[in-house]
Amino acid sequence: MATFTHPPDPELDDRVARIDPAIDLVAEIRRLLHERDAIFLAHYYQESQIQDLADVVGDSLALAQAAARARKQTILFAGVHFMAETAKILNPDSVVVVPDLRAGCSLADGCPAADFARFKAQHPDHWTVTYVNCSAQVKAMSDIICTSSNAVAIVKAAPRSQKLLFAPDRYLARWVIRQTGRDDMVFWPGTCIVHEIFSAQEIAALQVAHPGARVIAHPECDEPVLALATFIGSTSALIDHVKSSSTREFIVATEPGVLHQMQKVAPGKTLIPAPAQGNCSCNECPHMRLNTAEKVYLALRDLTPRVEVPEAIRVEALVPIQRMLDFSARDRTPPAGD
């Protein structure tokens, strides 16, 4: 099975190695957050220590909303690059830093702006709904941005007469089509390297071993995995479902970092990470896991690496992002599930 590796960053490795081992990282991070007038945003897929240090932990929609509300000189974003770009688009006057600039996204990398522009040109009469997992350049070419929390509601709200193009995740697109009946929707053929690796066969074997467990899954998973799930939803919807359900045992098909928050809100329940093909640890996002507490400390101390978005692209990308935020503020549709 292929594995994903990042290019080395000797300079960053050296900075990490030179951190005084006597430093209390937690205390220093909290001190620097105050000193830098910073807000610390972290995705659910981060390691548990980072989640516990963050001011806001959430999925892509919640973090975009938090970034839109931020009135801080500094935004520290522990997630992946496109999330920090969104924060910079919404806060052009703030310094936006990330722990490790190499933390990208297979969906964003698999949808280059030039290729997407050519794809769009082949469908000139289509309205473009773009998943937030994409670059600022691709966002700038979109009509509205969505997340897995609101993709179904956004597509449902579009007039049936309006042709739609969805990018960049084909599995999320197929799930949205199933939920909305928009089988005419054209979609970009991208996938998430984490969610496509789950094994339906090995999940089924887990069900035999745990007959009382319910499978819950993120809609970025492939159809054979979704077919086994009793609930499908965004990361935040999965957490809410575990909390509210009377079921005591769950097989969770998404990045296992989310189990930390699930255990917090439902401490008496049994959570089983869904296995990847070959029972490897490939369901841990290699991009998210680049971020560490040491790198968080360095980012705050040195205010680097910084995320910048060219102003022309920022202005264009802000329009579809703001449409998403405005839509989500109006829409109160609960997350879809089985």
C-alpha atoms as a PDB file:
ATOM      1  CA  MET A   1       0.000   0.000   0.000  1.00  0.00           C
ATOM      2  CA  ALA A   2       1.330   3.433  -0.937  1.00  0.00           C
ATOM      3  CA  THR A   3       2.194   5.803   1.891  1.00  0.00           C
ATOM      4  CA  PHE A   4       2.320   9.605   1.890  1.00  0.00           C
ATOM      5  CA  THR A   5       5.514  11.404   2.878  1.00  0.00           C
ATOM      6  CA  HIS A   6       6.271  15.115   3.120  1.00  0.00           C
ATOM      7  CA  PRO A   7       9.435  16.783   1.856  1.00  0.00           C
ATOM      8  CA  PRO A   8      11.913  17.347   4.679  1.00  0.00           C
ATOM      9  CA  ASP A   9      12.125  20.717   6.410  1.00  0.00           C
ATOM     10  CA  PRO A  10      15.590  20.750   8.062  1.00  0.00           C
ATOM     11  CA  GLU A  11      15.224  24.362   9.194  1.00  0.00           C
ATOM     12  CA  LEU A  12      11.997  23.638  11.080  1.00  0.00           C
ATOM     13  CA  ASP A  13      13.409  20.409  12.489  1.00  0.00           C
ATOM     14  CA  ASP A  14      16.409  22.350  13.764  1.00  0.00           C
ATOM     15  CA  ARG A  15      14.207  24.990  15.404  1.00  0.00           C
ATOM     16  CA  VAL A  16      12.226  22.243  17.142  1.00  0.00           C
ATOM     17  CA  ALA A  17      15.428  20.532  18.282  1.00  0.00           C
ATOM     18  CA  ARG A  18      16.720  23.787  19.796  1.00  0.00           C
ATOM     19  CA  ILE A  19      13.677  24.328  22.041  1.00  0.00           C
ATOM     20  CA  ASP A  20      14.818  24.384  25.655  1.00  0.00           C
ATOM     21  CA  PRO A  21      13.609  21.060  27.127  1.00  0.00           C
ATOM     22  CA  ALA A  22      12.991  22.809  30.452  1.00  0.00           C
ATOM     23  CA  ILE A  23      10.284  25.004  28.916  1.00  0.00           C
ATOM     24  CA  ASP A  24       6.703  24.366  30.003  1.00  0.00           C
ATOM     25  CA  LEU A  25       5.192  24.325  26.507  1.00  0.00           C
ATOM     26  CA  VAL A  26       1.599  24.604  27.691  1.00  0.00           C
ATOM     27  CA  ALA A  27       2.329  27.604  29.891  1.00  0.00           C
ATOM     28  CA  GLU A  28       4.429  29.270  27.183  1.00  0.00           C
ATOM     29  CA  ILE A  29       1.759  28.764  24.529  1.00  0.00           C
ATOM     30  CA  ARG A  30      -0.872  30.303  26.791  1.00  0.00           C
ATOM     31  CA  ARG A  31       1.425  33.214  27.617  1.00  0.00           C
ATOM     32  CA  LEU A  32       2.190  33.874  23.970  1.00  0.00           C
ATOM     33  CA  LEU A  33      -1.474  33.685  22.991  1.00  0.00           C
ATOM     34  CA  HIS A  34      -2.122  36.571  25.367  1.00  0.00           C
ATOM     35  CA  GLU A  35       1.029  38.464  24.389  1.00  0.00           C
ATOM     36  CA  ARG A  36       0.325  38.170  20.656  1.00  0.00           C
ATOM     37  CA  ASP A  37      -3.370  39.035  21.027  1.00  0.00           C
ATOM     38  CA  ALA A  38      -4.014  35.699  19.327  1.00  0.00           C
ATOM     39  CA  ILE A  39      -6.863  33.266  18.878  1.00  0.00           C
ATOM     40  CA  PHE A  40      -5.964  29.601  18.538  1.00  0.00           C
ATOM     41  CA  LEU A  41      -8.163  27.646  16.120  1.00  0.00           C
ATOM     42  CA  ALA A  42      -7.760  23.879  15.767  1.00  0.00           C
ATOM     43  CA  HIS A  43      -9.486  21.213  13.718  1.00  0.00           C
ATOM     44  CA  TYR A  44     -10.984  18.079  15.241  1.00  0.00           C
ATOM     45  CA  TYR A  45      -8.342  15.993  13.450  1.00  0.00           C
ATOM     46  CA  GLN A  46      -5.467  17.479  15.439  1.00  0.00           C
ATOM     47  CA  GLU A  47      -3.737  15.485  18.157  1.00  0.00           C
ATOM     48  CA  SER A  48      -5.497  15.693  21.523  1.00  0.00           C
ATOM     49  CA  GLN A  49      -2.933  17.987  23.184  1.00  0.00           C
ATOM     50  CA  ILE A  50      -3.433  20.623  20.486  1.00  0.00           C
ATOM     51  CA  GLN A  51      -7.217  20.337  20.738  1.00  0.00           C
ATOM     52  CA  ASP A  52      -7.039  20.880  24.497  1.00  0.00           C
ATOM     53  CA  LEU A  53      -4.889  24.013  24.091  1.00  0.00           C
ATOM     54  CA  ALA A  54      -7.037  25.645  21.409  1.00  0.00           C
ATOM     55  CA  ASP A  55      -9.570  28.430  21.987  1.00  0.00           C
ATOM     56  CA  VAL A  56     -11.893  26.936  19.384  1.00  0.00           C
ATOM     57  CA  VAL A  57     -11.989  23.337  18.171  1.00  0.00           C
ATOM     58  CA  GLY A  58     -14.304  22.539  15.284  1.00  0.00           C
ATOM     59  CA  ASP A  59     -14.938  21.285  11.793  1.00  0.00           C
ATOM     60  CA  SER A  60     -14.325  23.390   8.696  1.00  0.00           C
ATOM     61  CA  LEU A  61     -17.611  25.309   8.979  1.00  0.00           C
ATOM     62  CA  ALA A  62     -17.271  26.074  12.686  1.00  0.00           C
ATOM     63  CA  LEU A  63     -13.671  27.202  12.211  1.00  0.00           C
ATOM     64  CA  ALA A  64     -14.598  29.430   9.259  1.00  0.00           C
ATOM     65  CA  GLN A  65     -17.333  30.973  11.390  1.00  0.00           C
ATOM     66  CA  ALA A  66     -14.894  31.457  14.264  1.00  0.00           C
ATOM     67  CA  ALA A  67     -12.373  33.041  11.901  1.00  0.00           C
ATOM     68  CA  ALA A  68     -15.062  35.396  10.599  1.00  0.00           C
ATOM     69  CA  ARG A  69     -15.768  36.537  14.180  1.00  0.00           C
ATOM     70  CA  ALA A  70     -12.105  36.878  15.130  1.00  0.00           C
ATOM     71  CA  ARG A  71     -10.973  40.373  15.968  1.00  0.00           C
ATOM     72  CA  LYS A  72      -7.412  39.525  16.877  1.00  0.00           C
ATOM     73  CA  GLN A  73      -3.997  40.698  15.760  1.00  0.00           C
ATOM     74  CA  THR A  74      -2.899  37.085  15.337  1.00  0.00           C
ATOM     75  CA  ILE A  75      -4.672  33.897  14.285  1.00  0.00           C
ATOM     76  CA  LEU A  76      -2.897  30.628  14.956  1.00  0.00           C
ATOM     77  CA  PHE A  77      -4.476  27.888  12.861  1.00  0.00           C
ATOM     78  CA  ALA A  78      -3.696  24.255  13.595  1.00  0.00           C
ATOM     79  CA  GLY A  79      -5.248  22.384  10.711  1.00  0.00           C
ATOM     80  CA  VAL A  80      -4.252  22.322   7.079  1.00  0.00           C
ATOM     81  CA  HIS A  81      -3.213  25.069   4.691  1.00  0.00           C
ATOM     82  CA  PHE A  82      -6.561  25.785   3.012  1.00  0.00           C
ATOM     83  CA  MET A  83      -8.167  26.385   6.431  1.00  0.00           C
ATOM     84  CA  ALA A  84      -5.548  28.982   7.330  1.00  0.00           C
ATOM     85  CA  GLU A  85      -6.023  30.582   3.904  1.00  0.00           C
ATOM     86  CA  THR A  86      -9.742  30.927   4.657  1.00  0.00           C
ATOM     87  CA  ALA A  87      -8.891  32.658   7.934  1.00  0.00           C
ATOM     88  CA  LYS A  88      -6.580  35.063   6.074  1.00  0.00           C
ATOM     89  CA  ILE A  89      -9.223  35.761   3.429  1.00  0.00           C
ATOM     90  CA  LEU A  90     -11.641  36.724   6.197  1.00  0.00           C
ATOM     91  CA  ASN A  91      -9.025  38.651   8.213  1.00  0.00           C
ATOM     92  CA  PRO A  92      -6.633  40.407   5.826  1.00  0.00           C
ATOM     93  CA  ASP A  93      -5.205  42.654   8.548  1.00  0.00           C
ATOM     94  CA  SER A  94      -4.407  39.824  10.966  1.00  0.00           C
ATOM     95  CA  VAL A  95      -1.206  37.824  11.029  1.00  0.00           C
ATOM     96  CA  VAL A  96      -2.179  34.209  10.271  1.00  0.00           C
ATOM     97  CA  VAL A  97       0.382  31.585  11.255  1.00  0.00           C
ATOM     98  CA  VAL A  98       0.439  27.794  11.057  1.00  0.00           C
ATOM     99  CA  PRO A  99       2.613  25.299  12.931  1.00  0.00           C
ATOM    100  CA  ASP A 100       3.862  23.611   9.746  1.00  0.00           C
ATOM    101  CA  LEU A 101       3.427  25.052   6.266  1.00  0.00           C
ATOM    102  CA  ARG A 102       3.691  21.571   4.730  1.00  0.00           C
ATOM    103  CA  ALA A 103       0.290  20.603   6.167  1.00  0.00           C
ATOM    104  CA  GLY A 104      -1.663  20.539   2.936  1.00  0.00           C
ATOM    105  CA  CYS A 105      -4.652  18.513   1.729  1.00  0.00           C
ATOM    106  CA  SER A 106      -4.983  15.814  -0.912  1.00  0.00           C
ATOM    107  CA  LEU A 107      -8.254  17.312  -2.121  1.00  0.00           C
ATOM    108  CA  ALA A 108      -6.746  20.770  -2.546  1.00  0.00           C
ATOM    109  CA  ASP A 109      -3.576  19.363  -4.125  1.00  0.00           C
ATOM    110  CA  GLY A 110      -5.643  17.218  -6.490  1.00  0.00           C
ATOM    111  CA  CYS A 111      -7.546  20.197  -7.859  1.00  0.00           C
ATOM    112  CA  PRO A 112      -4.956  22.631  -9.292  1.00  0.00           C
ATOM    113  CA  ALA A 113      -6.377  26.037 -10.137  1.00  0.00           C
ATOM    114  CA  ALA A 114      -5.344  25.930 -13.815  1.00  0.00           C
ATOM    115  CA  ASP A 115      -6.929  22.505 -14.321  1.00  0.00           C
ATOM    116  CA  PHE A 116     -10.060  23.579 -12.488  1.00  0.00           C
ATOM    117  CA  ALA A 117     -10.353  26.669 -14.679  1.00  0.00           C
ATOM    118  CA  ARG A 118     -10.289  24.458 -17.774  1.00  0.00           C
ATOM    119  CA  PHE A 119     -12.860  22.126 -16.210  1.00  0.00           C
ATOM    120  CA  LYS A 120     -15.126  25.068 -15.431  1.00  0.00           C
ATOM    121  CA  ALA A 121     -14.764  26.372 -18.978  1.00  0.00           C
ATOM    122  CA  GLN A 122     -16.218  23.080 -20.242  1.00  0.00           C
ATOM    123  CA  HIS A 123     -19.375  23.802 -18.204  1.00  0.00           C
ATOM    124  CA  PRO A 124     -19.964  27.547 -18.682  1.00  0.00           C
ATOM    125  CA  ASP A 125     -23.648  27.435 -17.701  1.00  0.00           C
ATOM    126  CA  HIS A 126     -23.037  25.636 -14.396  1.00  0.00           C
ATOM    127  CA  TRP A 127     -23.158  27.227 -10.963  1.00  0.00           C
ATOM    128  CA  THR A 128     -20.065  26.145  -9.011  1.00  0.00           C
ATOM    129  CA  VAL A 129     -20.454  24.739  -5.502  1.00  0.00           C
ATOM    130  CA  THR A 130     -16.980  24.120  -4.123  1.00  0.00           C
ATOM    131  CA  TYR A 131     -16.091  22.184  -1.006  1.00  0.00           C
ATOM    132  CA  VAL A 132     -13.952  24.229   1.375  1.00  0.00           C
ATOM    133  CA  ASN A 133     -11.106  21.693   0.952  1.00  0.00           C
ATOM    134  CA  CYS A 134      -9.515  23.616  -1.924  1.00  0.00           C
ATOM    135  CA  SER A 135      -7.019  26.393  -2.536  1.00  0.00           C
ATOM    136  CA  ALA A 136      -7.794  30.105  -2.377  1.00  0.00           C
ATOM    137  CA  GLN A 137      -7.407  30.253  -6.167  1.00  0.00           C
ATOM    138  CA  VAL A 138     -10.113  27.622  -6.658  1.00  0.00           C
ATOM    139  CA  LYS A 139     -12.363  29.343  -4.131  1.00  0.00           C
ATOM    140  CA  ALA A 140     -11.969  32.535  -6.153  1.00  0.00           C
ATOM    141  CA  MET A 141     -13.447  30.731  -9.186  1.00  0.00           C
ATOM    142  CA  SER A 142     -16.467  29.457  -7.255  1.00  0.00           C
ATOM    143  CA  ASP A 143     -20.002  30.737  -6.786  1.00  0.00           C
ATOM    144  CA  ILE A 144     -20.410  29.431  -3.239  1.00  0.00           C
ATOM    145  CA  ILE A 145     -18.261  27.442  -0.823  1.00  0.00           C
ATOM    146  CA  CYS A 146     -19.684  24.578   1.211  1.00  0.00           C
ATOM    147  CA  THR A 147     -18.560  22.187   3.911  1.00  0.00           C
ATOM    148  CA  SER A 148     -19.786  18.690   4.685  1.00  0.00           C
ATOM    149  CA  SER A 149     -22.047  20.327   7.297  1.00  0.00           C
ATOM    150  CA  ASN A 150     -23.999  22.406   4.807  1.00  0.00           C
ATOM    151  CA  ALA A 151     -23.372  20.920   1.324  1.00  0.00           C
ATOM    152  CA  VAL A 152     -26.746  19.168   1.175  1.00  0.00           C
ATOM    153  CA  ALA A 153     -28.674  22.255   2.281  1.00  0.00           C
ATOM    154  CA  ILE A 154     -26.836  24.481  -0.198  1.00  0.00           C
ATOM    155  CA  VAL A 155     -27.479  22.156  -3.135  1.00  0.00           C
ATOM    156  CA  LYS A 156     -31.126  21.714  -2.104  1.00  0.00           C
ATOM    157  CA  ALA A 157     -31.521  25.494  -2.089  1.00  0.00           C
ATOM    158  CA  ALA A 158     -30.318  25.823  -5.690  1.00  0.00           C
ATOM    159  CA  PRO A 159     -33.106  26.042  -8.305  1.00  0.00           C
ATOM    160  CA  ARG A 160     -33.650  22.743 -10.116  1.00  0.00           C
ATOM    161  CA  SER A 161     -33.286  24.641 -13.383  1.00  0.00           C
ATOM    162  CA  GLN A 162     -29.746  25.719 -12.467  1.00  0.00           C
ATOM    163  CA  LYS A 163     -27.048  23.295 -13.569  1.00  0.00           C
ATOM    164  CA  LEU A 164     -24.482  22.577 -10.873  1.00  0.00           C
ATOM    165  CA  LEU A 165     -20.786  21.772 -10.765  1.00  0.00           C
ATOM    166  CA  PHE A 166     -19.371  20.346  -7.524  1.00  0.00           C
ATOM    167  CA  ALA A 167     -15.690  20.140  -6.590  1.00  0.00           C
ATOM    168  CA  PRO A 168     -13.330  18.698  -5.526  1.00  0.00           C
ATOM    169  CA  ASP A 169     -14.530  15.546  -3.627  1.00  0.00           C
ATOM    170  CA  ARG A 170     -16.359  12.975  -5.724  1.00  0.00           C
ATOM    171  CA  TYR A 171     -17.490  10.869  -2.759  1.00  0.00           C
ATOM    172  CA  LEU A 172     -19.029  13.859  -1.002  1.00  0.00           C
ATOM    173  CA  ALA A 173     -20.616  14.820  -4.331  1.00  0.00           C
ATOM    174  CA  ARG A 174     -22.182  11.373  -4.702  1.00  0.00           C
ATOM    175  CA  TRP A 175     -23.567  11.529  -1.175  1.00  0.00           C
ATOM    176  CA  VAL A 176     -25.016  15.000  -1.842  1.00  0.00           C
ATOM    177  CA  ILE A 177     -26.601  13.683  -5.044  1.00  0.00           C
ATOM    178  CA  ARG A 178     -28.157  10.831  -3.083  1.00  0.00           C
ATOM    179  CA  GLN A 179     -29.544  13.230  -0.479  1.00  0.00           C
ATOM    180  CA  THR A 180     -30.857  15.802  -2.950  1.00  0.00           C
ATOM    181  CA  GLY A 181     -31.750  13.843  -6.073  1.00  0.00           C
ATOM    182  CA  ARG A 182     -29.564  16.178  -8.151  1.00  0.00           C
ATOM    183  CA  ASP A 183     -28.249  13.381 -10.366  1.00  0.00           C
ATOM    184  CA  ASP A 184     -27.462  15.925 -13.082  1.00  0.00           C
ATOM    185  CA  MET A 185     -24.711  17.484 -10.983  1.00  0.00           C
ATOM    186  CA  VAL A 186     -21.251  17.414 -12.587  1.00  0.00           C
ATOM    187  CA  PHE A 187     -18.358  16.816 -10.192  1.00  0.00           C
ATOM    188  CA  TRP A 188     -14.587  16.960 -10.081  1.00  0.00           C
ATOM    189  CA  PRO A 189     -13.039  13.492  -9.512  1.00  0.00           C
ATOM    190  CA  GLY A 190     -11.057  14.187  -6.324  1.00  0.00           C
ATOM    191  CA  THR A 191     -10.799  12.151  -3.101  1.00  0.00           C
ATOM    192  CA  CYS A 192      -9.523  12.508   0.449  1.00  0.00           C
ATOM    193  CA  ILE A 193      -6.575  10.187   1.057  1.00  0.00           C
ATOM    194  CA  VAL A 194      -7.811   9.549   4.598  1.00  0.00           C
ATOM    195  CA  HIS A 195     -11.463   8.768   3.944  1.00  0.00           C
ATOM    196  CA  GLU A 196     -10.988   6.721   0.789  1.00  0.00           C
ATOM    197  CA  ILE A 197      -8.722   4.240   2.585  1.00  0.00           C
ATOM    198  CA  PHE A 198     -11.340   2.736   4.923  1.00  0.00           C
ATOM    199  CA  SER A 199     -12.061  -0.930   4.255  1.00  0.00           C
ATOM    200  CA  ALA A 200     -15.724  -1.936   4.070  1.00  0.00           C
ATOM    201  CA  GLN A 201     -14.703  -5.583   4.405  1.00  0.00           C
ATOM    202  CA  GLU A 202     -12.781  -4.994   7.624  1.00  0.00           C
ATOM    203  CA  ILE A 203     -15.521  -2.752   9.019  1.00  0.00           C
ATOM    204  CA  ALA A 204     -18.007  -5.565   8.366  1.00  0.00           C
ATOM    205  CA  ALA A 205     -15.716  -7.955  10.260  1.00  0.00           C
ATOM    206  CA  LEU A 206     -15.682  -5.487  13.171  1.00  0.00           C
ATOM    207  CA  GLN A 207     -19.476  -5.476  13.149  1.00  0.00           C
ATOM    208  CA  VAL A 208     -19.452  -9.242  13.603  1.00  0.00           C
ATOM    209  CA  ALA A 209     -17.089  -8.893  16.557  1.00  0.00           C
ATOM    210  CA  HIS A 210     -19.165  -6.032  18.009  1.00  0.00           C
ATOM    211  CA  PRO A 211     -22.810  -6.827  17.125  1.00  0.00           C
ATOM    212  CA  GLY A 212     -24.159  -3.959  19.223  1.00  0.00           C
ATOM    213  CA  ALA A 213     -22.015  -1.310  17.555  1.00  0.00           C
ATOM    214  CA  ARG A 214     -23.356   1.137  14.991  1.00  0.00           C
ATOM    215  CA  VAL A 215     -21.205   2.325  12.113  1.00  0.00           C
ATOM    216  CA  ILE A 216     -21.102   6.084  11.647  1.00  0.00           C
ATOM    217  CA  ALA A 217     -19.244   7.633   8.737  1.00  0.00           C
ATOM    218  CA  HIS A 218     -18.148  10.884   7.148  1.00  0.00           C
ATOM    219  CA  PRO A 219     -19.625  11.451   3.662  1.00  0.00           C
ATOM    220  CA  GLU A 220     -16.127  11.660   2.150  1.00  0.00           C
ATOM    221  CA  CYS A 221     -15.969   7.862   2.521  1.00  0.00           C
ATOM    222  CA  ASP A 222     -16.571   5.603  -0.481  1.00  0.00           C
ATOM    223  CA  GLU A 223     -20.015   4.127  -1.124  1.00  0.00           C
ATOM    224  CA  PRO A 224     -19.311   0.586   0.213  1.00  0.00           C
ATOM    225  CA  VAL A 225     -18.395   2.116   3.584  1.00  0.00           C
ATOM    226  CA  LEU A 226     -21.393   4.468   3.586  1.00  0.00           C
ATOM    227  CA  ALA A 227     -23.649   1.500   2.830  1.00  0.00           C
ATOM    228  CA  LEU A 228     -22.668  -0.007   6.200  1.00  0.00           C
ATOM    229  CA  ALA A 229     -23.335   3.192   8.156  1.00  0.00           C
ATOM    230  CA  THR A 230     -26.447   3.867  10.201  1.00  0.00           C
ATOM    231  CA  PHE A 231     -25.534   7.558  10.359  1.00  0.00           C
ATOM    232  CA  ILE A 232     -23.639   9.713   7.861  1.00  0.00           C
ATOM    233  CA  GLY A 233     -22.640  13.256   8.664  1.00  0.00           C
ATOM    234  CA  SER A 234     -20.009  15.930   8.984  1.00  0.00           C
ATOM    235  CA  THR A 235     -17.427  15.718  11.732  1.00  0.00           C
ATOM    236  CA  SER A 236     -19.493  17.869  14.092  1.00  0.00           C
ATOM    237  CA  ALA A 237     -22.647  15.905  13.232  1.00  0.00           C
ATOM    238  CA  LEU A 238     -20.875  12.644  14.081  1.00  0.00           C
ATOM    239  CA  ILE A 239     -19.859  14.050  17.472  1.00  0.00           C
ATOM    240  CA  ASP A 240     -23.408  15.250  18.176  1.00  0.00           C
ATOM    241  CA  HIS A 241     -24.823  11.879  17.137  1.00  0.00           C
ATOM    242  CA  VAL A 242     -22.538   9.950  19.487  1.00  0.00           C
ATOM    243  CA  LYS A 243     -23.540  12.294  22.299  1.00  0.00           C
ATOM    244  CA  SER A 244     -27.308  12.114  21.728  1.00  0.00           C
ATOM    245  CA  SER A 245     -27.753   8.502  20.604  1.00  0.00           C
ATOM    246  CA  SER A 246     -28.863   5.802  23.046  1.00  0.00           C
ATOM    247  CA  THR A 247     -26.381   3.438  21.372  1.00  0.00           C
ATOM    248  CA  ARG A 248     -23.409   2.646  23.597  1.00  0.00           C
ATOM    249  CA  GLU A 249     -20.856   1.460  21.012  1.00  0.00           C
ATOM    250  CA  PHE A 250     -19.782   3.009  17.705  1.00  0.00           C
ATOM    251  CA  ILE A 251     -17.455   2.131  14.856  1.00  0.00           C
ATOM    252  CA  VAL A 252     -16.272   5.532  13.625  1.00  0.00           C
ATOM    253  CA  ALA A 253     -15.250   5.925   9.974  1.00  0.00           C
ATOM    254  CA  THR A 254     -13.427   9.235   9.891  1.00  0.00           C
ATOM    255  CA  GLU A 255     -10.029  10.593  10.986  1.00  0.00           C
ATOM    256  CA  PRO A 256      -9.444   9.176  14.482  1.00  0.00           C
ATOM    257  CA  GLY A 257      -8.505  12.546  15.989  1.00  0.00           C
ATOM    258  CA  VAL A 258     -12.237  13.185  16.341  1.00  0.00           C
ATOM    259  CA  LEU A 259     -12.526  10.427  18.946  1.00  0.00           C
ATOM    260  CA  HIS A 260     -10.936  12.776  21.485  1.00  0.00           C
ATOM    261  CA  GLN A 261     -13.925  15.133  21.342  1.00  0.00           C
ATOM    262  CA  MET A 262     -16.376  12.220  21.215  1.00  0.00           C
ATOM    263  CA  GLN A 263     -14.894  10.817  24.411  1.00  0.00           C
ATOM    264  CA  LYS A 264     -15.250  14.228  26.062  1.00  0.00           C
ATOM    265  CA  VAL A 265     -18.961  14.580  25.265  1.00  0.00           C
ATOM    266  CA  ALA A 266     -19.834  10.880  25.679  1.00  0.00           C
ATOM    267  CA  PRO A 267     -17.370   9.485  28.241  1.00  0.00           C
ATOM    268  CA  GLY A 268     -19.339   6.303  28.917  1.00  0.00           C
ATOM    269  CA  LYS A 269     -19.481   5.124  25.317  1.00  0.00           C
ATOM    270  CA  THR A 270     -17.183   2.764  23.448  1.00  0.00           C
ATOM    271  CA  LEU A 271     -15.593   4.232  20.325  1.00  0.00           C
ATOM    272  CA  ILE A 272     -13.850   1.977  17.822  1.00  0.00           C
ATOM    273  CA  PRO A 273     -11.828   3.578  14.994  1.00  0.00           C
ATOM    274  CA  ALA A 274     -12.800   2.040  11.668  1.00  0.00           C
ATOM    275  CA  PRO A 275      -9.860   0.131  10.176  1.00  0.00           C
ATOM    276  CA  ALA A 276      -8.127   1.145   6.986  1.00  0.00           C
ATOM    277  CA  GLN A 277      -7.214  -1.364   4.290  1.00  0.00           C
ATOM    278  CA  GLY A 278      -4.644  -3.772   5.677  1.00  0.00           C
ATOM    279  CA  ASN A 279      -5.272  -2.386   9.189  1.00  0.00           C
ATOM    280  CA  CYS A 280      -2.593   0.277   8.664  1.00  0.00           C
ATOM    281  CA  SER A 281      -2.707   3.679  10.381  1.00  0.00           C
ATOM    282  CA  CYS A 282      -3.363   5.372   7.014  1.00  0.00           C
ATOM    283  CA  ASN A 283      -6.669   6.762   8.330  1.00  0.00           C
ATOM    284  CA  GLU A 284      -4.616   9.284  10.326  1.00  0.00           C
ATOM    285  CA  CYS A 285      -4.262  12.397   8.174  1.00  0.00           C
ATOM    286  CA  PRO A 286      -0.526  12.777   7.458  1.00  0.00           C
ATOM    287  CA  HIS A 287      -1.000  16.514   6.934  1.00  0.00           C
ATOM    288  CA  MET A 288      -2.854  17.187  10.187  1.00  0.00           C
ATOM    289  CA  ARG A 289      -0.346  15.108  12.137  1.00  0.00           C
ATOM    290  CA  LEU A 290       2.539  17.367  11.070  1.00  0.00           C
ATOM    291  CA  ASN A 291       1.335  19.879  13.650  1.00  0.00           C
ATOM    292  CA  THR A 292       2.744  19.420  17.151  1.00  0.00           C
ATOM    293  CA  ALA A 293       2.732  21.411  20.384  1.00  0.00           C
ATOM    294  CA  GLU A 294       6.400  22.287  19.791  1.00  0.00           C
ATOM    295  CA  LYS A 295       5.570  23.769  16.384  1.00  0.00           C
ATOM    296  CA  VAL A 296       2.573  25.618  17.847  1.00  0.00           C
ATOM    297  CA  TYR A 297       4.935  27.228  20.358  1.00  0.00           C
ATOM    298  CA  LEU A 298       7.425  28.210  17.650  1.00  0.00           C
ATOM    299  CA  ALA A 299       4.692  29.661  15.418  1.00  0.00           C
ATOM    300  CA  LEU A 300       3.538  31.923  18.237  1.00  0.00           C
ATOM    301  CA  ARG A 301       7.061  32.807  19.365  1.00  0.00           C
ATOM    302  CA  ASP A 302       8.414  33.689  15.924  1.00  0.00           C
ATOM    303  CA  LEU A 303       5.144  34.516  14.089  1.00  0.00           C
ATOM    304  CA  THR A 304       6.147  32.195  11.281  1.00  0.00           C
ATOM    305  CA  PRO A 305       5.314  30.450   8.997  1.00  0.00           C
ATOM    306  CA  ARG A 306       2.789  33.016   7.859  1.00  0.00           C
ATOM    307  CA  VAL A 307      -0.034  32.353   5.423  1.00  0.00           C
ATOM    308  CA  GLU A 308      -0.554  35.020   2.790  1.00  0.00           C
ATOM    309  CA  VAL A 309      -3.164  35.317   0.047  1.00  0.00           C
ATOM    310  CA  PRO A 310      -2.653  37.769  -2.858  1.00  0.00           C
ATOM    311  CA  GLU A 311      -5.160  40.586  -2.512  1.00  0.00           C
ATOM    312  CA  ALA A 312      -6.818  40.072  -5.907  1.00  0.00           C
ATOM    313  CA  ILE A 313      -7.446  36.398  -5.123  1.00  0.00           C
ATOM    314  CA  ARG A 314      -8.504  37.209  -1.561  1.00  0.00           C
ATOM    315  CA  VAL A 315     -11.166  39.663  -2.717  1.00  0.00           C
ATOM    316  CA  GLU A 316     -12.593  37.189  -5.238  1.00  0.00           C
ATOM    317  CA  ALA A 317     -12.494  34.245  -2.826  1.00  0.00           C
ATOM    318  CA  LEU A 318     -14.172  36.253  -0.075  1.00  0.00           C
ATOM    319  CA  VAL A 319     -17.417  36.463  -2.078  1.00  0.00           C
ATOM    320  CA  PRO A 320     -18.273  32.717  -2.185  1.00  0.00           C
ATOM    321  CA  ILE A 321     -17.001  32.206   1.384  1.00  0.00           C
ATOM    322  CA  GLN A 322     -19.243  35.001   2.642  1.00  0.00           C
ATOM    323  CA  ARG A 323     -22.163  33.500   0.720  1.00  0.00           C
ATOM    324  CA  MET A 324     -21.608  30.245   2.594  1.00  0.00           C
ATOM    325  CA  LEU A 325     -21.434  32.005   5.947  1.00  0.00           C
ATOM    326  CA  ASP A 326     -24.567  34.031   5.210  1.00  0.00           C
ATOM    327  CA  PHE A 327     -26.416  30.923   4.037  1.00  0.00           C
ATOM    328  CA  SER A 328     -25.408  28.967   7.132  1.00  0.00           C
ATOM    329  CA  ALA A 329     -26.535  31.804   9.384  1.00  0.00           C
ATOM    330  CA  ARG A 330     -30.007  31.622   7.781  1.00  0.00           C
ATOM    331  CA  ASP A 331     -30.301  27.869   7.331  1.00  0.00           C
ATOM    332  CA  ARG A 332     -31.200  25.740  10.329  1.00  0.00           C
ATOM    333  CA  THR A 333     -31.484  22.400   8.515  1.00  0.00           C
ATOM    334  CA  PRO A 334     -30.214  19.609  10.810  1.00  0.00           C
ATOM    335  CA  PRO A 335     -27.358  17.432   9.499  1.00  0.00           C
ATOM    336  CA  ALA A 336     -28.645  14.622   7.283  1.00  0.00           C
ATOM    337  CA  GLY A 337     -28.332  11.038   8.445  1.00  0.00           C
ATOM    338  CA  ASP A 338     -29.786   7.594   7.911  1.00  0.00           C
END
